[in-house]
C-alpha cells in the first residue's frame, strides 16, 4: 500500500447522555492491573455499498457511537492509574477520519502489517496512554471502508471489545434492544503490587521496531495436523492447539540457542470456566494466562508432545479457583504466580512465547451495509506474541506473529517446513500400516 493516507478530521465523540455522578468512578480490578499497558487493536474491512454516501455513513458512525457510549461509559473516560480507576468524565473517544488513496482490493491482496498499521489510530502504538478507546475510519477510493479500533488492555479484554463492537453495530442498524455490559464481574479487587517485582511493562517495546507476519492455516492442513496429533492418543485436538504447537515447534527449531529453556503462555477467557454463573456480557479483563510448558534442553519437543502440553495446560485452568480465593480473601497464589512470571521473563536463557486466541464472531458484525470481508489485528507492541484469528469462512485459522523487524523469519520458509512435516508424517503412517 505505497499510497497516501489523508487525515481529514479528528474529533471527540462523547456519550449522548451524561454519565450519572454515581457511575463516574469505574474501579479497576487485579486482572486489569496485570494487563500490559498497551492497546488491543483490530481492523474491519467493508466493501462499497451504495445505499448511503460517505458523509451519511460517517454521520451514522458518529451518532451511533455516541449512543453506544452511554452504556460503555468507561470507554469515554480517562485512565487514572494512581487511583486504579477510570474517571468516567465523558471526555470522549477520539475518532479520526481518513481517505486512503488506493483500492481496497490492493490492501487485501496480501495484507502486510507495516501497511495495515496506518489504518489504526496513533494510540495503537503507544504505551501507557490514558485514553481507553480510539478509532480511525478510513474511506478508500473505491468506496470501501476500514474501521481501525484500539482499546486499552488495562480496561478490558478482547471479548469485551467484541461485546462493544457488536453493540455499536446493532445501534447503528437501529431497531434492536442492546444488552448492557455488566461491570464489576472480575473476581479480585485491586491489590497493592508495589511490594512485588511485577510490572506491566515487561516485554513491552516502544523502542525496538516490531512487525507482524501472517501465517494462514487452511482447513485441509488443519485436518492433517489434528489427525497427526490424534495418533498418540490425544483425543479431539483443537485447531488452536495444533496451530499453536506447530508455530512454537517451528520457532524452537529455528532458535540459535538450543541450550535455552523454551516457555509458552496461553491466554484463557475465564467466563465459561466458572460454575458460578457469570454473564457472557461481563465487561473487563476476565482472563488468565496458563503456562503451557517450560522445556529444557533434551526435553521432547515433538509436535504431538507440544499439542499434548497445550491440551493438558488448558484443562488445568479452573475459573472457580479464582472465585474460591476471592471469597476467602486469599491472594497469595496469584501474587506468587506474578512473581514466577517476572522471574521467567527476566531470566537469561529463556525464550518466551505467548499465544492468544481472538476467535470471536467478528465476521457477523453489521453496521447496516453488510458484514466485513476481512478482519485482522492491528499493531501490537509485544514481541513473541501470536494472535490467532478465524478465517472468513470459519474453517481456517490465521496466525499473526509479532516479532522484531530484525528477526530472521520468512513466511515461505514456514510453509515449506510445515509441508515437509506433513509429508514425512504421512510417509511414516504408511510405513507403519505396511508393517
Foldseek 3Di string as FASTA:
>chain_A
DPFDKFWDDKDFQFAPDAADPVPQKAAFFALLQQAAQAKWKKKFKFAADPPDDPVVVVVLLRVLLNNLCNLVQLLQFWDDVVRRTTRSRRVGEMEIEIETEDDPCVCPVFPWQVVQQVQFDPRNLDGNGGRQKYWYWYAYPNRMIMIMIIGTQSWFDLLLVVLSLQSSLDSLQDDDDRDGFDEDPALGGHDDCVPAPFDSCQQFDNPFAKTKDKAKFFLVLLVLQQVLLCVVVDPPQDSQLLVVLLVLLVVCVVDPCVQFKEWEKEKDQLQVQAPPHDDSSHTGYRIDIWTLDTHGRPDDSDSNVSSVSNVVRVVPDHSVVSNVCSVVVHCVVVSVVSNVVVCQSPDPRYHYAYEYESADVQQVRHNNRHGGQDMDIHDHRGARYWYWYAHNVRSMIMIMHMHGPPDDDDNVVSVVVSVVVSVVSVVVVVVVVVD
